[in-house]
Amino acid sequence: MNYAFDYGWLLEYWPVLLKGLAITVELTLVGGVFGVALGVACAWARALGPKWLRPIVTTYVEMIRNTPFLIQLFFIFFGLPSLGVRLGELEAANLAMIINLGAYGCEIVRAGIQATPKGQFEAGASLGMSRIQTFWYVVLIPALQRIWPALSSQIVIVMLGSAAVSQIAAEDLTFAANFIQSRTFRAFEAYFVSTAIYLALAIALRQMLRGLGWSLFPKRSGR
């Protein structure tokens, strides 16, 4: 059977795609910023924090890293209302992405922290730095320099994984593709275009994170 490709529907449905793209970008931005912040906090807790806090953080990290993102999303959106916590689609999607990236980011950042020689802690103390100053300037910044490529890759993976939020009717790019396909019955064209947009978005995000790494860590980038 011959299939006639038709992309004429783009003229009618481009606002739907644009809205989906905007929501995907918003999810990535919020999830990336707060997810990395949560990952840094958890990495500190596991590597340098008080002993009573470490098992709690370890349980969170292992639970998230060993369960599917989709199940985590369903638990937040469908499960929490049973406990009286009701979230909208985008709120649940943002929270799920933050929690997911926080767990993976924790292990990535912790690896960088544990690679810091213990003598640098003593050097910070000898210079009169507080524990917070020592962690920020002596431990965290060099650790982030070492693990920035891995952390950047994880952020891109989480962005691509955001396609799952369409399952709770969050109107992201995948939701837009599903909507267009259901109206036009042009599945190939709808998903081909959405795939191309995801590819362009992933490449752009990776380049942006690389540029951010050059800006934050000029020595590592060779500048």
N, C-alpha and C. Protein backbone atom coordinates (compact mmCIF):
# COMPACT_ATOMS: atom_id res chain seq x y z
N MET A 1 0.85 -1.20 0.00
CA MET A 1 0.00 0.00 0.00
C MET A 1 0.88 1.24 0.00
N ASN A 2 0.61 2.18 -0.89
CA ASN A 2 1.37 3.41 -0.96
C ASN A 2 0.87 4.40 0.10
N TYR A 3 1.83 5.04 0.76
CA TYR A 3 1.49 6.01 1.81
C TYR A 3 1.92 7.39 1.33
N ALA A 4 0.99 8.31 1.29
CA ALA A 4 1.29 9.67 0.83
C ALA A 4 1.59 10.56 2.03
N PHE A 5 2.83 10.99 2.13
CA PHE A 5 3.23 11.83 3.25
C PHE A 5 2.60 13.22 3.10
N ASP A 6 2.11 13.73 4.22
CA ASP A 6 1.45 15.03 4.20
C ASP A 6 1.79 15.78 5.49
N TYR A 7 2.47 16.92 5.34
CA TYR A 7 2.82 17.74 6.50
C TYR A 7 2.04 19.05 6.50
N GLY A 8 0.99 19.09 5.70
CA GLY A 8 0.19 20.29 5.64
C GLY A 8 -0.49 20.63 6.96
N TRP A 9 -0.73 19.63 7.80
CA TRP A 9 -1.39 19.87 9.08
C TRP A 9 -0.56 20.75 10.01
N LEU A 10 0.75 20.88 9.72
CA LEU A 10 1.59 21.72 10.57
C LEU A 10 1.09 23.15 10.61
N LEU A 11 0.54 23.61 9.50
CA LEU A 11 0.05 24.98 9.44
C LEU A 11 -1.10 25.20 10.43
N GLU A 12 -1.89 24.15 10.64
CA GLU A 12 -3.03 24.27 11.55
C GLU A 12 -2.67 23.97 13.00
N TYR A 13 -1.73 23.04 13.19
CA TYR A 13 -1.46 22.56 14.55
C TYR A 13 -0.14 23.07 15.13
N TRP A 14 0.52 24.00 14.44
CA TRP A 14 1.79 24.45 14.99
C TRP A 14 1.64 25.11 16.37
N PRO A 15 0.52 25.82 16.69
CA PRO A 15 0.39 26.35 18.06
C PRO A 15 0.37 25.25 19.12
N VAL A 16 -0.19 24.09 18.77
CA VAL A 16 -0.22 22.96 19.72
C VAL A 16 1.19 22.46 19.96
N LEU A 17 1.97 22.32 18.88
CA LEU A 17 3.36 21.89 19.03
C LEU A 17 4.17 22.91 19.80
N LEU A 18 3.94 24.19 19.53
CA LEU A 18 4.70 25.25 20.21
C LEU A 18 4.39 25.25 21.70
N LYS A 19 3.12 25.05 22.05
CA LYS A 19 2.75 24.98 23.47
C LYS A 19 3.40 23.77 24.13
N GLY A 20 3.37 22.63 23.44
CA GLY A 20 4.01 21.43 24.00
C GLY A 20 5.50 21.61 24.19
N LEU A 21 6.15 22.26 23.22
CA LEU A 21 7.59 22.52 23.33
C LEU A 21 7.87 23.44 24.51
N ALA A 22 7.05 24.48 24.68
CA ALA A 22 7.26 25.42 25.78
C ALA A 22 7.13 24.71 27.14
N ILE A 23 6.16 23.82 27.26
CA ILE A 23 5.98 23.11 28.53
C ILE A 23 7.14 22.14 28.77
N THR A 24 7.62 21.48 27.72
CA THR A 24 8.77 20.60 27.87
C THR A 24 10.00 21.38 28.32
N VAL A 25 10.20 22.56 27.75
CA VAL A 25 11.33 23.41 28.16
C VAL A 25 11.17 23.85 29.61
N GLU A 26 9.94 24.22 29.99
CA GLU A 26 9.69 24.63 31.37
C GLU A 26 9.95 23.50 32.35
N LEU A 27 9.50 22.29 32.01
CA LEU A 27 9.75 21.14 32.86
C LEU A 27 11.25 20.87 32.99
N THR A 28 11.97 21.01 31.89
CA THR A 28 13.41 20.76 31.92
C THR A 28 14.12 21.80 32.76
N LEU A 29 13.73 23.06 32.63
CA LEU A 29 14.37 24.14 33.38
C LEU A 29 14.14 23.98 34.88
N VAL A 30 12.88 23.79 35.25
CA VAL A 30 12.56 23.65 36.68
C VAL A 30 13.17 22.37 37.24
N GLY A 31 12.98 21.26 36.52
CA GLY A 31 13.53 19.99 36.99
C GLY A 31 15.04 20.01 37.06
N GLY A 32 15.68 20.67 36.08
CA GLY A 32 17.14 20.72 36.06
C GLY A 32 17.71 21.53 37.21
N VAL A 33 17.19 22.73 37.41
CA VAL A 33 17.72 23.62 38.46
C VAL A 33 17.49 23.04 39.85
N PHE A 34 16.25 22.71 40.15
CA PHE A 34 15.94 22.22 41.49
C PHE A 34 16.40 20.78 41.70
N GLY A 35 16.43 19.99 40.62
CA GLY A 35 16.93 18.63 40.73
C GLY A 35 18.41 18.59 41.05
N VAL A 36 19.19 19.45 40.39
CA VAL A 36 20.63 19.52 40.69
C VAL A 36 20.85 20.03 42.11
N ALA A 37 20.08 21.03 42.51
CA ALA A 37 20.21 21.54 43.88
C ALA A 37 19.91 20.45 44.91
N LEU A 38 18.85 19.68 44.65
CA LEU A 38 18.52 18.57 45.55
C LEU A 38 19.63 17.52 45.53
N GLY A 39 20.18 17.25 44.36
CA GLY A 39 21.26 16.28 44.25
C GLY A 39 22.49 16.70 45.03
N VAL A 40 22.83 17.98 44.97
CA VAL A 40 23.99 18.50 45.73
C VAL A 40 23.74 18.36 47.23
N ALA A 41 22.54 18.73 47.66
CA ALA A 41 22.22 18.62 49.08
C ALA A 41 22.29 17.17 49.57
N CYS A 42 21.76 16.26 48.77
CA CYS A 42 21.78 14.84 49.15
C CYS A 42 23.21 14.29 49.10
N ALA A 43 24.01 14.74 48.14
CA ALA A 43 25.40 14.30 48.06
C ALA A 43 26.17 14.74 49.29
N TRP A 44 25.93 15.97 49.72
CA TRP A 44 26.57 16.44 50.96
C TRP A 44 26.13 15.58 52.15
N ALA A 45 24.84 15.29 52.21
CA ALA A 45 24.32 14.50 53.33
C ALA A 45 24.95 13.11 53.36
N ARG A 46 25.10 12.47 52.19
CA ARG A 46 25.66 11.12 52.15
C ARG A 46 27.16 11.10 52.38
N ALA A 47 27.85 12.12 51.91
CA ALA A 47 29.31 12.11 52.00
C ALA A 47 29.83 12.78 53.26
N LEU A 48 29.20 13.87 53.69
CA LEU A 48 29.75 14.66 54.79
C LEU A 48 28.74 14.99 55.88
N GLY A 49 27.49 14.63 55.68
CA GLY A 49 26.45 15.00 56.61
C GLY A 49 26.46 14.17 57.89
N PRO A 50 25.57 14.50 58.82
CA PRO A 50 25.47 13.75 60.08
C PRO A 50 25.06 12.30 59.83
N LYS A 51 25.50 11.43 60.70
CA LYS A 51 25.27 10.00 60.50
C LYS A 51 23.79 9.64 60.50
N TRP A 52 22.98 10.33 61.30
CA TRP A 52 21.55 10.00 61.36
C TRP A 52 20.83 10.31 60.06
N LEU A 53 21.38 11.27 59.28
CA LEU A 53 20.73 11.67 58.04
C LEU A 53 21.07 10.76 56.87
N ARG A 54 22.22 10.12 56.93
CA ARG A 54 22.69 9.33 55.79
C ARG A 54 21.76 8.18 55.42
N PRO A 55 21.25 7.39 56.37
CA PRO A 55 20.34 6.29 55.98
C PRO A 55 19.06 6.79 55.31
N ILE A 56 18.57 7.95 55.75
CA ILE A 56 17.35 8.51 55.16
C ILE A 56 17.59 8.87 53.70
N VAL A 57 18.69 9.57 53.44
CA VAL A 57 19.02 9.98 52.08
C VAL A 57 19.33 8.76 51.22
N THR A 58 20.04 7.79 51.80
CA THR A 58 20.37 6.57 51.05
C THR A 58 19.11 5.83 50.63
N THR A 59 18.13 5.75 51.52
CA THR A 59 16.86 5.09 51.19
C THR A 59 16.16 5.79 50.05
N TYR A 60 16.12 7.11 50.11
CA TYR A 60 15.50 7.89 49.03
C TYR A 60 16.21 7.65 47.69
N VAL A 61 17.53 7.73 47.69
CA VAL A 61 18.30 7.57 46.46
C VAL A 61 18.09 6.18 45.86
N GLU A 62 18.20 5.15 46.67
CA GLU A 62 18.07 3.78 46.17
C GLU A 62 16.65 3.49 45.69
N MET A 63 15.68 4.03 46.38
CA MET A 63 14.29 3.80 45.99
C MET A 63 13.99 4.44 44.63
N ILE A 64 14.48 5.66 44.41
CA ILE A 64 14.23 6.34 43.15
C ILE A 64 15.02 5.72 42.01
N ARG A 65 16.27 5.38 42.27
CA ARG A 65 17.12 4.85 41.21
C ARG A 65 16.75 3.43 40.79
N ASN A 66 15.96 2.76 41.60
CA ASN A 66 15.60 1.37 41.31
C ASN A 66 14.12 1.18 41.04
N THR A 67 13.44 2.25 40.70
CA THR A 67 12.03 2.17 40.29
C THR A 67 11.84 3.00 39.02
N PRO A 68 10.88 2.64 38.17
CA PRO A 68 10.66 3.39 36.92
C PRO A 68 10.15 4.80 37.18
N PHE A 69 10.59 5.71 36.34
CA PHE A 69 10.13 7.10 36.46
C PHE A 69 8.62 7.20 36.31
N LEU A 70 8.05 6.40 35.42
CA LEU A 70 6.61 6.45 35.20
C LEU A 70 5.84 6.08 36.47
N ILE A 71 6.32 5.08 37.19
CA ILE A 71 5.68 4.68 38.45
C ILE A 71 5.79 5.80 39.48
N GLN A 72 6.94 6.45 39.53
CA GLN A 72 7.12 7.58 40.45
C GLN A 72 6.13 8.68 40.12
N LEU A 73 5.96 8.95 38.83
CA LEU A 73 5.03 9.97 38.39
C LEU A 73 3.59 9.61 38.76
N PHE A 74 3.21 8.35 38.53
CA PHE A 74 1.86 7.89 38.88
C PHE A 74 1.63 7.96 40.38
N PHE A 75 2.64 7.62 41.16
CA PHE A 75 2.50 7.67 42.62
C PHE A 75 2.21 9.09 43.09
N ILE A 76 2.96 10.06 42.51
CA ILE A 76 2.78 11.45 42.92
C ILE A 76 1.41 11.97 42.48
N PHE A 77 1.01 11.65 41.24
CA PHE A 77 -0.22 12.22 40.71
C PHE A 77 -1.48 11.48 41.16
N PHE A 78 -1.41 10.14 41.17
CA PHE A 78 -2.59 9.35 41.51
C PHE A 78 -2.57 8.86 42.97
N GLY A 79 -1.36 8.64 43.52
CA GLY A 79 -1.27 8.07 44.86
C GLY A 79 -1.39 9.09 45.98
N LEU A 80 -0.73 10.23 45.83
CA LEU A 80 -0.73 11.23 46.91
C LEU A 80 -2.12 11.78 47.23
N PRO A 81 -3.03 11.90 46.25
CA PRO A 81 -4.38 12.36 46.63
C PRO A 81 -5.04 11.50 47.69
N SER A 82 -4.67 10.23 47.77
CA SER A 82 -5.23 9.36 48.82
C SER A 82 -4.81 9.83 50.21
N LEU A 83 -3.69 10.56 50.26
CA LEU A 83 -3.20 11.11 51.53
C LEU A 83 -3.61 12.56 51.70
N GLY A 84 -4.44 13.05 50.79
CA GLY A 84 -4.91 14.43 50.88
C GLY A 84 -4.04 15.44 50.16
N VAL A 85 -3.04 14.98 49.41
CA VAL A 85 -2.15 15.88 48.68
C VAL A 85 -2.52 15.83 47.21
N ARG A 86 -3.12 16.89 46.72
CA ARG A 86 -3.56 16.92 45.33
C ARG A 86 -2.72 17.93 44.54
N LEU A 87 -2.17 17.46 43.45
CA LEU A 87 -1.32 18.30 42.60
C LEU A 87 -1.87 18.32 41.19
N GLY A 88 -1.71 19.45 40.50
CA GLY A 88 -2.07 19.52 39.11
C GLY A 88 -1.10 18.74 38.25
N GLU A 89 -1.43 18.61 36.97
CA GLU A 89 -0.57 17.81 36.08
C GLU A 89 0.85 18.35 36.02
N LEU A 90 1.00 19.64 35.81
CA LEU A 90 2.34 20.21 35.70
C LEU A 90 3.07 20.21 37.04
N GLU A 91 2.35 20.44 38.12
CA GLU A 91 2.97 20.40 39.44
C GLU A 91 3.52 19.00 39.73
N ALA A 92 2.71 17.98 39.43
CA ALA A 92 3.16 16.60 39.66
C ALA A 92 4.34 16.26 38.76
N ALA A 93 4.28 16.71 37.49
CA ALA A 93 5.37 16.44 36.56
C ALA A 93 6.67 17.10 37.02
N ASN A 94 6.58 18.37 37.45
CA ASN A 94 7.76 19.07 37.95
C ASN A 94 8.34 18.37 39.17
N LEU A 95 7.48 18.00 40.10
CA LEU A 95 7.95 17.36 41.32
C LEU A 95 8.61 16.02 41.02
N ALA A 96 8.00 15.25 40.13
CA ALA A 96 8.57 13.94 39.78
C ALA A 96 9.95 14.09 39.13
N MET A 97 10.10 15.08 38.25
CA MET A 97 11.39 15.28 37.59
C MET A 97 12.45 15.76 38.57
N ILE A 98 12.07 16.62 39.50
CA ILE A 98 13.02 17.10 40.52
C ILE A 98 13.49 15.94 41.39
N ILE A 99 12.55 15.14 41.86
CA ILE A 99 12.89 14.02 42.72
C ILE A 99 13.76 13.00 41.99
N ASN A 100 13.42 12.74 40.72
CA ASN A 100 14.18 11.77 39.94
C ASN A 100 15.60 12.24 39.68
N LEU A 101 15.75 13.48 39.20
CA LEU A 101 17.08 14.00 38.93
C LEU A 101 17.88 14.16 40.22
N GLY A 102 17.20 14.51 41.30
CA GLY A 102 17.89 14.66 42.58
C GLY A 102 18.59 13.39 43.02
N ALA A 103 17.93 12.24 42.82
CA ALA A 103 18.52 10.97 43.23
C ALA A 103 19.72 10.61 42.37
N TYR A 104 19.57 10.73 41.06
CA TYR A 104 20.69 10.41 40.17
C TYR A 104 21.81 11.43 40.30
N GLY A 105 21.43 12.71 40.43
CA GLY A 105 22.44 13.75 40.62
C GLY A 105 23.21 13.57 41.91
N CYS A 106 22.55 13.06 42.94
CA CYS A 106 23.22 12.81 44.22
C CYS A 106 24.41 11.89 44.05
N GLU A 107 24.22 10.80 43.36
CA GLU A 107 25.31 9.83 43.20
C GLU A 107 26.42 10.37 42.31
N ILE A 108 26.05 11.16 41.31
CA ILE A 108 27.06 11.74 40.43
C ILE A 108 27.91 12.75 41.20
N VAL A 109 27.25 13.64 41.94
CA VAL A 109 27.98 14.65 42.70
C VAL A 109 28.78 14.01 43.83
N ARG A 110 28.21 12.99 44.46
CA ARG A 110 28.92 12.32 45.56
C ARG A 110 30.22 11.70 45.07
N ALA A 111 30.20 11.17 43.86
CA ALA A 111 31.43 10.60 43.30
C ALA A 111 32.50 11.67 43.17
N GLY A 112 32.09 12.89 42.77
CA GLY A 112 33.05 13.97 42.68
C GLY A 112 33.56 14.42 44.03
N ILE A 113 32.67 14.44 45.02
CA ILE A 113 33.07 14.84 46.37
C ILE A 113 34.06 13.84 46.96
N GLN A 114 33.78 12.56 46.78
CA GLN A 114 34.64 11.53 47.36
C GLN A 114 36.01 11.47 46.68
N ALA A 115 36.11 12.06 45.49
CA ALA A 115 37.41 12.10 44.81
C ALA A 115 38.28 13.25 45.30
N THR A 116 37.72 14.11 46.17
CA THR A 116 38.48 15.23 46.71
C THR A 116 39.44 14.73 47.79
N PRO A 117 40.74 15.01 47.67
CA PRO A 117 41.70 14.57 48.70
C PRO A 117 41.35 15.15 50.06
N LYS A 118 41.47 14.33 51.10
CA LYS A 118 41.12 14.78 52.45
C LYS A 118 42.00 15.93 52.92
N GLY A 119 43.20 16.02 52.34
CA GLY A 119 44.08 17.11 52.73
C GLY A 119 43.52 18.47 52.40
N GLN A 120 42.61 18.54 51.40
CA GLN A 120 42.02 19.82 51.05
C GLN A 120 41.05 20.31 52.11
N PHE A 121 40.41 19.38 52.82
CA PHE A 121 39.56 19.78 53.93
C PHE A 121 40.40 20.46 55.01
N GLU A 122 41.53 19.85 55.32
CA GLU A 122 42.42 20.40 56.34
C GLU A 122 42.99 21.74 55.89
N ALA A 123 43.27 21.86 54.59
CA ALA A 123 43.78 23.13 54.07
C ALA A 123 42.76 24.24 54.23
N GLY A 124 41.49 23.93 53.97
CA GLY A 124 40.44 24.92 54.14
C GLY A 124 40.31 25.36 55.58
N ALA A 125 40.39 24.40 56.49
CA ALA A 125 40.31 24.73 57.92
C ALA A 125 41.49 25.59 58.35
N SER A 126 42.68 25.28 57.83
CA SER A 126 43.88 26.03 58.21
C SER A 126 43.82 27.48 57.72
N LEU A 127 43.04 27.73 56.67
CA LEU A 127 42.89 29.09 56.16
C LEU A 127 41.78 29.86 56.87
N GLY A 128 41.19 29.24 57.87
CA GLY A 128 40.16 29.90 58.65
C GLY A 128 38.78 29.86 58.03
N MET A 129 38.58 28.98 57.06
CA MET A 129 37.28 28.87 56.43
C MET A 129 36.30 28.13 57.35
N SER A 130 35.04 28.51 57.26
CA SER A 130 34.01 27.77 57.97
C SER A 130 33.75 26.46 57.24
N ARG A 131 32.96 25.58 57.85
CA ARG A 131 32.65 24.30 57.21
C ARG A 131 31.88 24.52 55.90
N ILE A 132 30.99 25.51 55.91
CA ILE A 132 30.22 25.79 54.69
C ILE A 132 31.13 26.34 53.60
N GLN A 133 32.02 27.28 53.97
CA GLN A 133 32.96 27.83 52.99
C GLN A 133 33.89 26.76 52.44
N THR A 134 34.35 25.88 53.32
CA THR A 134 35.24 24.80 52.88
C THR A 134 34.51 23.88 51.90
N PHE A 135 33.25 23.54 52.23
CA PHE A 135 32.49 22.67 51.34
C PHE A 135 32.26 23.34 49.99
N TRP A 136 31.90 24.63 50.00
CA TRP A 136 31.56 25.31 48.75
C TRP A 136 32.78 25.52 47.86
N TYR A 137 33.84 26.10 48.43
CA TYR A 137 34.99 26.50 47.62
C TYR A 137 36.02 25.38 47.42
N VAL A 138 36.21 24.58 48.44
CA VAL A 138 37.29 23.58 48.40
C VAL A 138 36.79 22.24 47.89
N VAL A 139 35.54 21.90 48.20
CA VAL A 139 35.02 20.57 47.87
C VAL A 139 34.07 20.60 46.68
N LEU A 140 33.01 21.40 46.78
CA LEU A 140 31.94 21.32 45.79
C LEU A 140 32.37 21.80 44.40
N ILE A 141 32.99 22.95 44.31
CA ILE A 141 33.36 23.49 43.00
C ILE A 141 34.29 22.55 42.25
N PRO A 142 35.38 22.07 42.86
CA PRO A 142 36.22 21.09 42.14
C PRO A 142 35.47 19.80 41.80
N ALA A 143 34.56 19.38 42.70
CA ALA A 143 33.78 18.17 42.43
C ALA A 143 32.89 18.36 41.21
N LEU A 144 32.23 19.51 41.12
CA LEU A 144 31.38 19.79 39.97
C LEU A 144 32.20 19.87 38.68
N GLN A 145 33.42 20.37 38.77
CA GLN A 145 34.30 20.39 37.60
C GLN A 145 34.54 18.99 37.08
N ARG A 146 34.74 18.06 38.00
CA ARG A 146 35.05 16.69 37.58
C ARG A 146 33.84 15.97 36.98
N ILE A 147 32.67 16.25 37.51
CA ILE A 147 31.50 15.44 37.11
C ILE A 147 30.54 16.19 36.21
N TRP A 148 30.90 17.40 35.76
CA TRP A 148 29.97 18.19 34.96
C TRP A 148 29.50 17.47 33.69
N PRO A 149 30.38 16.81 32.93
CA PRO A 149 29.88 16.10 31.74
C PRO A 149 28.85 15.03 32.07
N ALA A 150 29.09 14.26 33.14
CA ALA A 150 28.14 13.22 33.53
C ALA A 150 26.83 13.83 34.01
N LEU A 151 26.92 14.92 34.77
CA LEU A 151 25.71 15.57 35.26
C LEU A 151 24.91 16.17 34.10
N SER A 152 25.61 16.75 33.14
CA SER A 152 24.94 17.31 31.96
C SER A 152 24.19 16.22 31.20
N SER A 153 24.83 15.07 31.03
CA SER A 153 24.18 13.96 30.33
C SER A 153 22.93 13.51 31.06
N GLN A 154 22.97 13.50 32.40
CA GLN A 154 21.81 13.08 33.17
C GLN A 154 20.67 14.07 33.03
N ILE A 155 20.97 15.35 32.95
CA ILE A 155 19.93 16.35 32.75
C ILE A 155 19.26 16.15 31.40
N VAL A 156 20.04 15.85 30.37
CA VAL A 156 19.47 15.59 29.05
C VAL A 156 18.58 14.34 29.09
N ILE A 157 19.04 13.31 29.81
CA ILE A 157 18.24 12.08 29.92
C ILE A 157 16.91 12.37 30.61
N VAL A 158 16.93 13.18 31.65
CA VAL A 158 15.70 13.53 32.34
C VAL A 158 14.78 14.34 31.43
N MET A 159 15.35 15.23 30.62
CA MET A 159 14.54 15.98 29.67
C MET A 159 13.83 15.05 28.70
N LEU A 160 14.57 14.08 28.17
CA LEU A 160 13.95 13.13 27.25
C LEU A 160 12.91 12.27 27.96
N GLY A 161 13.19 11.94 29.22
CA GLY A 161 12.24 11.14 29.99
C GLY A 161 10.96 11.89 30.32
N SER A 162 10.99 13.22 30.16
CA SER A 162 9.79 14.01 30.46
C SER A 162 8.64 13.65 29.53
N ALA A 163 8.93 12.92 28.44
CA ALA A 163 7.85 12.49 27.54
C ALA A 163 6.80 11.67 28.29
N ALA A 164 7.20 11.05 29.40
CA ALA A 164 6.26 10.22 30.15
C ALA A 164 5.16 11.03 30.83
N VAL A 165 5.38 12.34 31.02
CA VAL A 165 4.37 13.12 31.74
C VAL A 165 3.08 13.26 30.94
N SER A 166 3.13 12.96 29.65
CA SER A 166 1.89 12.99 28.86
C SER A 166 0.89 11.95 29.36
N GLN A 167 1.38 10.96 30.10
CA GLN A 167 0.51 9.91 30.63
C GLN A 167 -0.43 10.41 31.72
N ILE A 168 -0.10 11.58 32.30
CA ILE A 168 -1.01 12.17 33.29
C ILE A 168 -1.66 13.43 32.71
N ALA A 169 -1.64 13.53 31.38
CA ALA A 169 -2.28 14.64 30.64
C ALA A 169 -1.58 15.97 30.81
N ALA A 170 -0.30 15.95 31.19
CA ALA A 170 0.49 17.18 31.14
C ALA A 170 0.76 17.49 29.67
N GLU A 171 0.47 18.69 29.24
CA GLU A 171 0.44 19.00 27.81
C GLU A 171 1.83 19.32 27.27
N ASP A 172 2.73 18.38 27.36
CA ASP A 172 4.09 18.56 26.85
C ASP A 172 4.14 18.24 25.36
N LEU A 173 5.35 18.11 24.84
CA LEU A 173 5.52 17.86 23.41
C LEU A 173 4.93 16.52 22.99
N THR A 174 5.11 15.48 23.78
CA THR A 174 4.55 14.17 23.45
C THR A 174 3.02 14.21 23.48
N PHE A 175 2.47 14.92 24.46
CA PHE A 175 1.01 15.09 24.51
C PHE A 175 0.52 15.76 23.24
N ALA A 176 1.26 16.78 22.77
CA ALA A 176 0.89 17.47 21.54
C ALA A 176 0.92 16.52 20.35
N ALA A 177 1.96 15.69 20.27
CA ALA A 177 2.05 14.73 19.16
C ALA A 177 0.89 13.74 19.20
N ASN A 178 0.56 13.25 20.40
CA ASN A 178 -0.57 12.33 20.55
C ASN A 178 -1.89 13.00 20.14
N PHE A 179 -2.04 14.25 20.55
CA PHE A 179 -3.26 14.99 20.22
C PHE A 179 -3.40 15.16 18.71
N ILE A 180 -2.31 15.56 18.06
CA ILE A 180 -2.34 15.77 16.61
C ILE A 180 -2.62 14.46 15.88
N GLN A 181 -1.99 13.40 16.33
CA GLN A 181 -2.21 12.10 15.69
C GLN A 181 -3.66 11.65 15.83
N SER A 182 -4.27 11.92 16.98
CA SER A 182 -5.66 11.51 17.19
C SER A 182 -6.64 12.31 16.34
N ARG A 183 -6.22 13.52 15.94
CA ARG A 183 -7.10 14.36 15.13
C ARG A 183 -6.88 14.17 13.63
N THR A 184 -5.65 13.93 13.24
CA THR A 184 -5.33 13.86 11.81
C THR A 184 -5.13 12.44 11.30
N PHE A 185 -4.89 11.50 12.24
CA PHE A 185 -4.57 10.11 11.89
C PHE A 185 -3.30 10.03 11.04
N ARG A 186 -2.41 11.03 11.18
CA ARG A 186 -1.14 11.03 10.49
C ARG A 186 -0.06 10.71 11.52
N ALA A 187 -0.01 9.44 11.94
CA ALA A 187 0.90 9.04 13.02
C ALA A 187 2.35 9.23 12.64
N PHE A 188 2.72 8.83 11.43
CA PHE A 188 4.13 8.93 11.03
C PHE A 188 4.60 10.38 11.07
N GLU A 189 3.84 11.28 10.44
CA GLU A 189 4.24 12.67 10.38
C GLU A 189 4.27 13.31 11.78
N ALA A 190 3.24 13.02 12.59
CA ALA A 190 3.16 13.62 13.92
C ALA A 190 4.35 13.22 14.78
N TYR A 191 4.68 11.93 14.80
CA TYR A 191 5.77 11.48 15.66
C TYR A 191 7.14 11.75 15.03
N PHE A 192 7.21 11.84 13.71
CA PHE A 192 8.46 12.21 13.07
C PHE A 192 8.84 13.64 13.43
N VAL A 193 7.86 14.53 13.37
CA VAL A 193 8.13 15.93 13.71
C VAL A 193 8.48 16.07 15.19
N SER A 194 7.74 15.39 16.05
CA SER A 194 8.04 15.48 17.49
C SER A 194 9.41 14.88 17.79
N THR A 195 9.78 13.81 17.10
CA THR A 195 11.11 13.22 17.28
C THR A 195 12.19 14.20 16.88
N ALA A 196 11.99 14.89 15.75
CA ALA A 196 12.97 15.87 15.28
C ALA A 196 13.10 17.02 16.28
N ILE A 197 11.99 17.42 16.89
CA ILE A 197 12.04 18.51 17.87
C ILE A 197 12.79 18.06 19.12
N TYR A 198 12.51 16.83 19.59
CA TYR A 198 13.23 16.32 20.75
C TYR A 198 14.73 16.24 20.47
N LEU A 199 15.09 15.79 19.27
CA LEU A 199 16.50 15.70 18.90
C LEU A 199 17.17 17.06 18.93
N ALA A 200 16.51 18.05 18.31
CA ALA A 200 17.05 19.41 18.31
C ALA A 200 17.14 19.97 19.72
N LEU A 201 16.13 19.67 20.55
CA LEU A 201 16.12 20.16 21.93
C LEU A 201 17.25 19.54 22.73
N ALA A 202 17.49 18.24 22.54
CA ALA A 202 18.56 17.56 23.27
C ALA A 202 19.93 18.11 22.87
N ILE A 203 20.13 18.33 21.57
CA ILE A 203 21.41 18.87 21.10
C ILE A 203 21.62 20.28 21.64
N ALA A 204 20.55 21.10 21.59
CA ALA A 204 20.65 22.47 22.08
C ALA A 204 20.93 22.49 23.59
N LEU A 205 20.26 21.62 24.35
CA LEU A 205 20.47 21.56 25.79
C LEU A 205 21.89 21.12 26.12
N ARG A 206 22.38 20.13 25.41
CA ARG A 206 23.75 19.66 25.65
C ARG A 206 24.76 20.77 25.37
N GLN A 207 24.56 21.51 24.28
CA GLN A 207 25.47 22.60 23.96
C GLN A 207 25.37 23.72 24.99
N MET A 208 24.17 24.01 25.46
CA MET A 208 23.99 25.04 26.46
C MET A 208 24.69 24.66 27.77
N LEU A 209 24.55 23.40 28.16
CA LEU A 209 25.22 22.94 29.38
C LEU A 209 26.72 22.93 29.22
N ARG A 210 27.19 22.60 28.02
CA ARG A 210 28.63 22.65 27.77
C ARG A 210 29.14 24.08 27.89
N GLY A 211 28.40 25.02 27.32
CA GLY A 211 28.78 26.42 27.43
C GLY A 211 28.74 26.91 28.87
N LEU A 212 27.74 26.44 29.63
CA LEU A 212 27.67 26.80 31.04
C LEU A 212 28.87 26.25 31.80
N GLY A 213 29.29 25.04 31.42
CA GLY A 213 30.49 24.47 32.05
C GLY A 213 31.73 25.28 31.74
N TRP A 214 31.86 25.75 30.50
CA TRP A 214 33.00 26.61 30.14
C TRP A 214 32.99 27.88 30.97
N SER A 215 31.78 28.40 31.21
CA SER A 215 31.67 29.66 31.96
C SER A 215 31.97 29.46 33.45
N LEU A 216 31.46 28.37 34.02
CA LEU A 216 31.65 28.13 35.45
C LEU A 216 33.01 27.57 35.78
N PHE A 217 33.52 26.72 34.88
CA PHE A 217 34.78 26.02 35.14
C PHE A 217 35.75 26.23 33.97
N PRO A 218 36.28 27.44 33.81
CA PRO A 218 37.13 27.72 32.64
C PRO A 218 38.39 26.87 32.57
N LYS A 219 38.96 26.50 33.71
CA LYS A 219 40.18 25.69 33.69
C LYS A 219 39.92 24.32 33.12
N ARG A 220 38.76 23.74 33.44
CA ARG A 220 38.44 22.40 32.95
C ARG A 220 38.23 22.40 31.44
N SER A 221 37.67 23.48 30.92
CA SER A 221 37.39 23.53 29.50
C SER A 221 38.59 23.93 28.67
N GLY A 222 39.69 24.28 29.35
CA GLY A 222 40.92 24.61 28.65
C GLY A 222 41.01 26.09 28.32
N ARG A 223 40.07 26.91 28.78
CA ARG A 223 40.12 28.33 28.52
C ARG A 223 40.97 29.03 29.56
